[in-house]
N, C-alpha and C. Protein backbone atom coordinates (compact mmCIF):
# COMPACT_ATOMS: atom_id res chain seq x y z
N MET A 1 19.64 -33.70 61.06
CA MET A 1 18.51 -33.00 61.61
C MET A 1 18.13 -31.83 60.69
N THR A 2 16.89 -31.76 60.34
CA THR A 2 16.41 -30.71 59.47
C THR A 2 15.65 -29.68 60.29
N THR A 3 15.99 -28.41 60.07
CA THR A 3 15.25 -27.35 60.75
C THR A 3 14.45 -26.60 59.71
N THR A 4 13.32 -26.11 60.11
CA THR A 4 12.49 -25.34 59.20
C THR A 4 12.38 -23.92 59.69
N MET A 5 12.28 -23.00 58.74
CA MET A 5 12.14 -21.60 59.09
C MET A 5 10.68 -21.29 59.36
N PRO A 6 10.44 -20.39 60.28
CA PRO A 6 9.07 -19.96 60.50
C PRO A 6 8.53 -19.26 59.25
N ARG A 7 7.23 -19.34 59.04
CA ARG A 7 6.59 -18.78 57.85
C ARG A 7 6.91 -17.29 57.69
N ASP A 8 6.88 -16.52 58.77
CA ASP A 8 7.14 -15.08 58.65
C ASP A 8 8.57 -14.79 58.21
N GLU A 9 9.50 -15.63 58.60
CA GLU A 9 10.89 -15.45 58.16
C GLU A 9 11.03 -15.78 56.67
N ILE A 10 10.35 -16.82 56.23
CA ILE A 10 10.38 -17.18 54.81
C ILE A 10 9.80 -16.04 53.99
N LEU A 11 8.68 -15.49 54.42
CA LEU A 11 8.06 -14.38 53.70
C LEU A 11 8.96 -13.15 53.68
N ARG A 12 9.61 -12.88 54.79
CA ARG A 12 10.52 -11.72 54.87
C ARG A 12 11.69 -11.89 53.90
N LYS A 13 12.26 -13.07 53.89
CA LYS A 13 13.39 -13.33 52.99
C LYS A 13 12.95 -13.32 51.53
N THR A 14 11.77 -13.85 51.25
CA THR A 14 11.25 -13.84 49.89
C THR A 14 11.03 -12.41 49.42
N LYS A 15 10.52 -11.56 50.30
CA LYS A 15 10.30 -10.16 49.96
C LYS A 15 11.63 -9.47 49.65
N ALA A 16 12.65 -9.76 50.44
CA ALA A 16 13.97 -9.16 50.22
C ALA A 16 14.55 -9.60 48.88
N VAL A 17 14.43 -10.88 48.56
CA VAL A 17 14.93 -11.39 47.28
C VAL A 17 14.14 -10.76 46.14
N SER A 18 12.85 -10.64 46.31
CA SER A 18 12.00 -10.03 45.29
C SER A 18 12.43 -8.60 45.00
N GLN A 19 12.75 -7.86 46.04
CA GLN A 19 13.18 -6.47 45.86
C GLN A 19 14.50 -6.39 45.10
N VAL A 20 15.41 -7.30 45.39
CA VAL A 20 16.69 -7.33 44.67
C VAL A 20 16.46 -7.69 43.20
N LEU A 21 15.61 -8.67 42.96
CA LEU A 21 15.30 -9.06 41.58
C LEU A 21 14.65 -7.91 40.81
N GLU A 22 13.75 -7.18 41.47
CA GLU A 22 13.10 -6.04 40.83
C GLU A 22 14.12 -4.96 40.48
N ALA A 23 15.07 -4.72 41.37
CA ALA A 23 16.11 -3.72 41.10
C ALA A 23 16.97 -4.15 39.91
N LEU A 24 17.36 -5.42 39.88
CA LEU A 24 18.14 -5.94 38.76
C LEU A 24 17.35 -5.87 37.46
N ARG A 25 16.06 -6.19 37.53
CA ARG A 25 15.20 -6.11 36.34
C ARG A 25 15.17 -4.68 35.80
N ASN A 26 15.04 -3.71 36.69
CA ASN A 26 15.00 -2.31 36.27
C ASN A 26 16.33 -1.89 35.63
N GLU A 27 17.44 -2.33 36.20
CA GLU A 27 18.75 -2.02 35.63
C GLU A 27 18.89 -2.64 34.24
N HIS A 28 18.44 -3.88 34.09
CA HIS A 28 18.52 -4.55 32.79
C HIS A 28 17.64 -3.85 31.76
N ARG A 29 16.47 -3.39 32.19
CA ARG A 29 15.60 -2.65 31.26
C ARG A 29 16.30 -1.39 30.76
N GLN A 30 16.96 -0.67 31.68
CA GLN A 30 17.67 0.55 31.30
C GLN A 30 18.81 0.24 30.35
N ILE A 31 19.55 -0.80 30.64
CA ILE A 31 20.68 -1.18 29.78
C ILE A 31 20.17 -1.57 28.39
N LEU A 32 19.10 -2.38 28.36
CA LEU A 32 18.56 -2.82 27.08
C LEU A 32 18.05 -1.63 26.27
N THR A 33 17.37 -0.71 26.91
CA THR A 33 16.88 0.49 26.23
C THR A 33 18.05 1.29 25.66
N SER A 34 19.10 1.42 26.45
CA SER A 34 20.28 2.15 26.01
C SER A 34 20.93 1.48 24.80
N LEU A 35 21.05 0.16 24.85
CA LEU A 35 21.65 -0.57 23.73
C LEU A 35 20.79 -0.46 22.47
N GLN A 36 19.49 -0.59 22.64
CA GLN A 36 18.59 -0.57 21.48
C GLN A 36 18.48 0.81 20.86
N SER A 37 18.67 1.85 21.67
CA SER A 37 18.55 3.21 21.14
C SER A 37 19.86 3.73 20.57
N GLY A 38 20.93 2.94 20.69
CA GLY A 38 22.21 3.35 20.14
C GLY A 38 23.01 4.25 21.06
N GLN A 39 22.58 4.42 22.30
CA GLN A 39 23.33 5.25 23.25
C GLN A 39 24.64 4.60 23.64
N ASP A 40 24.69 3.29 23.58
CA ASP A 40 25.94 2.57 23.82
C ASP A 40 26.79 2.75 22.58
N THR A 41 28.08 3.00 22.76
CA THR A 41 28.94 3.29 21.60
C THR A 41 29.18 2.07 20.72
N THR A 42 29.08 0.88 21.27
CA THR A 42 29.30 -0.32 20.47
C THR A 42 28.22 -1.36 20.72
N PRO A 43 26.96 -1.02 20.39
CA PRO A 43 25.92 -2.03 20.61
C PRO A 43 26.09 -3.20 19.64
N THR A 44 26.00 -4.38 20.16
CA THR A 44 26.09 -5.56 19.31
C THR A 44 24.86 -6.41 19.55
N ASP A 45 24.53 -7.21 18.55
CA ASP A 45 23.40 -8.12 18.70
C ASP A 45 23.63 -9.08 19.86
N GLY A 46 24.89 -9.45 20.09
CA GLY A 46 25.22 -10.35 21.19
C GLY A 46 24.90 -9.74 22.54
N LYS A 47 25.25 -8.46 22.71
CA LYS A 47 24.96 -7.77 23.97
C LYS A 47 23.46 -7.68 24.18
N ILE A 48 22.76 -7.27 23.13
CA ILE A 48 21.31 -7.10 23.23
C ILE A 48 20.65 -8.44 23.56
N SER A 49 21.08 -9.49 22.88
CA SER A 49 20.52 -10.82 23.12
C SER A 49 20.78 -11.28 24.55
N THR A 50 21.99 -11.07 25.04
CA THR A 50 22.34 -11.50 26.39
C THR A 50 21.53 -10.75 27.44
N ILE A 51 21.43 -9.45 27.28
CA ILE A 51 20.67 -8.63 28.24
C ILE A 51 19.18 -8.99 28.17
N ALA A 52 18.66 -9.18 26.96
CA ALA A 52 17.24 -9.53 26.80
C ALA A 52 16.94 -10.87 27.47
N HIS A 53 17.84 -11.83 27.31
CA HIS A 53 17.66 -13.14 27.95
C HIS A 53 17.70 -13.01 29.47
N SER A 54 18.65 -12.26 29.97
CA SER A 54 18.75 -12.04 31.42
C SER A 54 17.49 -11.36 31.95
N LEU A 55 16.98 -10.40 31.19
CA LEU A 55 15.77 -9.69 31.57
C LEU A 55 14.58 -10.66 31.64
N GLU A 56 14.48 -11.56 30.69
CA GLU A 56 13.41 -12.56 30.71
C GLU A 56 13.50 -13.42 31.97
N GLN A 57 14.70 -13.83 32.32
CA GLN A 57 14.89 -14.66 33.51
C GLN A 57 14.56 -13.88 34.78
N LEU A 58 14.92 -12.61 34.82
CA LEU A 58 14.59 -11.78 35.97
C LEU A 58 13.08 -11.59 36.09
N GLU A 59 12.41 -11.39 34.96
CA GLU A 59 10.95 -11.26 34.97
C GLU A 59 10.31 -12.52 35.56
N LEU A 60 10.81 -13.68 35.16
CA LEU A 60 10.31 -14.94 35.69
C LEU A 60 10.55 -15.03 37.19
N GLY A 61 11.75 -14.67 37.63
CA GLY A 61 12.07 -14.71 39.05
C GLY A 61 11.19 -13.78 39.87
N VAL A 62 10.95 -12.57 39.36
CA VAL A 62 10.09 -11.61 40.05
C VAL A 62 8.68 -12.17 40.15
N SER A 63 8.19 -12.73 39.07
CA SER A 63 6.83 -13.31 39.07
C SER A 63 6.72 -14.45 40.09
N GLU A 64 7.71 -15.31 40.11
CA GLU A 64 7.68 -16.44 41.05
C GLU A 64 7.76 -15.95 42.49
N ALA A 65 8.56 -14.94 42.74
CA ALA A 65 8.68 -14.40 44.10
C ALA A 65 7.37 -13.76 44.53
N GLN A 66 6.68 -13.10 43.61
CA GLN A 66 5.40 -12.48 43.95
C GLN A 66 4.34 -13.53 44.25
N VAL A 67 4.34 -14.62 43.52
CA VAL A 67 3.38 -15.69 43.77
C VAL A 67 3.66 -16.31 45.14
N THR A 68 4.91 -16.48 45.47
CA THR A 68 5.29 -17.06 46.76
C THR A 68 4.83 -16.18 47.91
N ARG A 69 4.87 -14.86 47.70
CA ARG A 69 4.50 -13.93 48.77
C ARG A 69 3.00 -13.90 49.02
N LEU A 70 2.20 -14.39 48.08
CA LEU A 70 0.74 -14.33 48.23
C LEU A 70 0.23 -15.26 49.27
């Protein structure tokens, strides 16, 4: 048996996920800025690449969540 969530519950949950993704995106931006500016004591290209990739994925997730909320 399949149950479906009411539309308002789906929108509420999507908004909550979107807020979490936005917070993670902001944290990743801060980390990336710190790494690129040399504030991190051992910045490596690997760290920067990993954080940049994660940031791209978070940007995509935030965009998709915003489209879903419309």
